[in-house]
């Protein structure tokens, strides 16, 4: 197993090394005498990975703040592979003057906030409507969407403020 673990580091640097891939290569390690060298190598790899990742884990990455804007029922954000985004705020604007728009906020396929009313010619901040929900963390497997359940979707503009986080 020592050769497998060391080969893992030959093809990747620690900033791109995923904990799951170390686990896959490491497999089962038994705490017996013949495995002592394997355990020492495994421990050194994990300690090196922690020194790269743990001190800043989950903190915003400087220069990565973005305002995403969509119209109607759309996906607001889907991070790329190996990215985690921290959504700080979402605001919905109803530019129509006729009727309110009712929206749901959807994470993956799960509605995380429902029946949010956006009055005509006004802006509704979802972070003030459901403050316990924010910040929202998401990755590629959980895109963040806005869904219009009532009203004219063409009159809705949604903006989300997010940053990428270190992981």
Protein backbone atom coordinates (compact mmCIF):
# COMPACT_ATOMS: atom_id res chain seq x y z
CA UNK A 1 0.00 0.00 0.00
CA UNK A 2 2.92 2.41 0.61
CA UNK A 3 3.63 2.58 -3.13
CA UNK A 4 -0.06 3.26 -3.87
CA UNK A 5 -0.19 6.12 -1.38
CA UNK A 6 3.02 7.70 -2.62
CA UNK A 7 1.90 7.34 -6.24
CA UNK A 8 -1.21 9.29 -5.30
CA UNK A 9 0.97 12.34 -4.64
CA UNK A 10 3.03 11.93 -7.81
CA UNK A 11 0.11 12.87 -10.05
CA UNK A 12 -1.49 15.59 -7.87
CA UNK A 13 -0.48 18.47 -5.70
CA UNK A 14 -1.97 18.81 -2.23
CA UNK A 15 -4.26 21.67 -3.23
CA UNK A 16 -6.06 19.41 -5.73
CA UNK A 17 -5.92 16.20 -3.72
CA UNK A 18 -9.38 15.15 -2.56
CA UNK A 19 -9.88 13.47 0.81
CA UNK A 20 -12.10 10.89 -0.90
CA UNK A 21 -9.30 9.84 -3.27
CA UNK A 22 -6.89 9.32 -0.36
CA UNK A 23 -9.54 7.20 1.30
CA UNK A 24 -10.04 5.17 -1.89
CA UNK A 25 -6.33 4.53 -2.30
CA UNK A 26 -5.76 3.96 1.42
CA UNK A 27 -8.55 1.42 1.73
CA UNK A 28 -8.54 -0.66 4.86
CA UNK A 29 -5.45 -0.40 7.03
CA UNK A 30 -5.06 -2.79 9.91
CA UNK A 31 -3.11 -1.74 13.01
CA UNK A 32 -0.75 -4.72 13.01
CA UNK A 33 3.06 -4.74 12.90
CA UNK A 34 3.45 -5.23 9.11
CA UNK A 35 1.19 -2.22 8.47
CA UNK A 36 3.19 0.19 10.66
CA UNK A 37 5.06 1.71 7.69
CA UNK A 38 1.81 2.05 5.72
CA UNK A 39 0.16 3.83 8.63
CA UNK A 40 3.08 6.27 8.99
CA UNK A 41 2.95 7.15 5.27
CA UNK A 42 -0.83 7.48 5.41
CA UNK A 43 -0.55 9.76 8.46
CA UNK A 44 2.05 11.98 6.79
CA UNK A 45 -0.15 12.41 3.70
CA UNK A 46 -3.20 13.30 5.81
CA UNK A 47 -1.20 15.79 7.90
CA UNK A 48 0.17 17.45 4.75
CA UNK A 49 -3.34 17.66 3.25
CA UNK A 50 -4.68 19.22 6.47
CA UNK A 51 -1.96 21.88 6.46
CA UNK A 52 -3.07 22.93 2.98
CA UNK A 53 -6.85 22.74 3.49
CA UNK A 54 -7.92 23.02 7.11
CA UNK A 55 -6.66 26.49 8.12
CA UNK A 56 -8.93 28.20 5.62
CA UNK A 57 -11.62 25.57 5.08
CA UNK A 58 -14.97 27.16 4.24
CA UNK A 59 -13.72 30.74 4.07
CA UNK A 60 -14.51 32.93 1.05
CA UNK A 61 -11.89 33.03 -1.68
CA UNK A 62 -10.75 36.58 -2.31
CA UNK A 63 -11.82 37.96 -5.66
CA UNK A 64 -14.49 35.30 -6.19
CA UNK A 65 -17.57 37.32 -5.17
CA UNK A 66 -20.14 37.48 -7.97
CA UNK A 67 -23.66 38.77 -8.48
CA UNK A 68 -25.63 36.24 -10.53
CA UNK A 69 -28.77 37.48 -12.25
CA UNK A 70 -31.55 35.45 -13.89
CA UNK A 71 -35.00 36.20 -15.28
CA UNK A 72 -38.07 34.07 -14.57
CA UNK A 73 -37.89 30.50 -13.29
CA UNK A 74 -34.20 29.69 -13.72
CA UNK A 75 -31.16 28.15 -12.10
CA UNK A 76 -29.35 30.92 -10.23
CA UNK A 77 -26.11 29.04 -9.65
CA UNK A 78 -24.47 25.67 -10.29
CA UNK A 79 -20.83 25.60 -9.13
CA UNK A 80 -18.28 23.70 -11.21
CA UNK A 81 -16.85 20.35 -10.15
CA UNK A 82 -14.88 20.64 -6.89
CA UNK A 83 -16.26 24.09 -6.13
CA UNK A 84 -18.36 25.07 -3.14
CA UNK A 85 -20.27 28.35 -3.27
CA UNK A 86 -21.53 30.38 -0.31
CA UNK A 87 -24.68 32.31 -1.23
CA UNK A 88 -24.92 35.38 0.99
CA UNK A 89 -28.13 37.00 -0.26
CA UNK A 90 -30.87 36.64 -2.86
CA UNK A 91 -33.26 39.36 -3.97
CA UNK A 92 -36.25 39.05 -6.31
CA UNK A 93 -37.65 42.02 -8.23
CA UNK A 94 -41.13 42.13 -9.73
CA UNK A 95 -40.93 44.65 -12.58
CA UNK A 96 -44.59 44.16 -13.51
CA UNK A 97 -47.22 46.49 -12.15
CA UNK A 98 -50.20 44.17 -12.26
CA UNK A 99 -49.92 41.36 -9.73
CA UNK A 100 -47.65 39.79 -7.13
CA UNK A 101 -45.38 36.92 -8.07
CA UNK A 102 -45.09 33.91 -5.77
CA UNK A 103 -41.76 32.06 -5.83
CA UNK A 104 -40.07 29.03 -4.31
CA UNK A 105 -36.33 28.78 -3.67
CA UNK A 106 -35.09 25.34 -4.68
CA UNK A 107 -31.81 23.62 -3.74
CA UNK A 108 -31.27 20.57 -5.93
CA UNK A 109 -34.80 19.19 -6.12
CA UNK A 110 -35.81 20.31 -2.62
CA UNK A 111 -37.87 23.42 -1.98
CA UNK A 112 -36.05 25.21 0.84
CA UNK A 113 -38.30 28.29 0.97
CA UNK A 114 -41.81 28.36 -0.42
CA UNK A 115 -44.58 30.81 -1.21
CA UNK A 116 -42.44 33.94 -1.04
CA UNK A 117 -44.43 36.92 -2.23
CA UNK A 118 -42.83 39.55 -4.48
CA UNK A 119 -45.19 42.50 -4.79
CA UNK A 120 -45.57 44.48 -8.03
CA UNK A 121 -42.85 47.06 -8.69
CA UNK A 122 -40.89 46.00 -5.62
CA UNK A 123 -37.84 44.04 -4.49
CA UNK A 124 -38.06 41.25 -1.91
CA UNK A 125 -34.88 40.15 -0.18
CA UNK A 126 -35.12 36.43 0.55
CA UNK A 127 -32.37 36.74 3.16
CA UNK A 128 -34.73 38.96 5.21
CA UNK A 129 -37.77 36.76 4.54
CA UNK A 130 -36.03 33.56 5.70
CA UNK A 131 -32.89 34.73 7.56
CA UNK A 132 -32.17 31.35 9.15
CA UNK A 133 -31.61 29.95 5.65
CA UNK A 134 -28.59 32.12 4.85
CA UNK A 135 -25.80 31.67 4.05
CA UNK A 136 -26.53 28.76 1.71
CA UNK A 137 -23.67 26.43 0.77
CA UNK A 138 -23.94 24.44 -2.44
CA UNK A 139 -21.89 22.45 -4.90
CA UNK A 140 -22.35 20.99 -8.38
CA UNK A 141 -24.78 18.32 -7.18
CA UNK A 142 -27.11 20.93 -5.62
CA UNK A 143 -27.87 23.78 -8.03
CA UNK A 144 -29.79 26.74 -6.62
CA UNK A 145 -32.93 27.77 -8.53
CA UNK A 146 -35.87 30.11 -8.31
CA UNK A 147 -39.27 28.77 -9.33
CA UNK A 148 -42.28 30.95 -10.11
CA UNK A 149 -45.44 29.26 -8.82
CA UNK A 150 -47.86 32.14 -9.44
CA UNK A 151 -47.72 35.35 -11.45
CA UNK A 152 -45.86 36.36 -14.60
CA UNK A 153 -42.40 34.77 -14.70
CA UNK A 154 -41.23 37.25 -17.35
CA UNK A 155 -41.65 40.08 -14.79
CA UNK A 156 -39.25 38.45 -12.28
CA UNK A 157 -35.54 39.17 -12.01
CA UNK A 158 -33.55 37.37 -9.31
CA UNK A 159 -30.07 38.31 -8.17
CA UNK A 160 -27.87 36.26 -5.88
CA UNK A 161 -24.61 37.32 -4.25
CA UNK A 162 -22.15 34.49 -3.75
CA UNK A 163 -18.49 33.66 -3.39
CA UNK A 164 -16.51 30.49 -3.78
CA UNK A 165 -15.12 28.96 -0.61
CA UNK A 166 -11.90 27.17 0.10
CA UNK A 167 -12.27 23.47 0.65
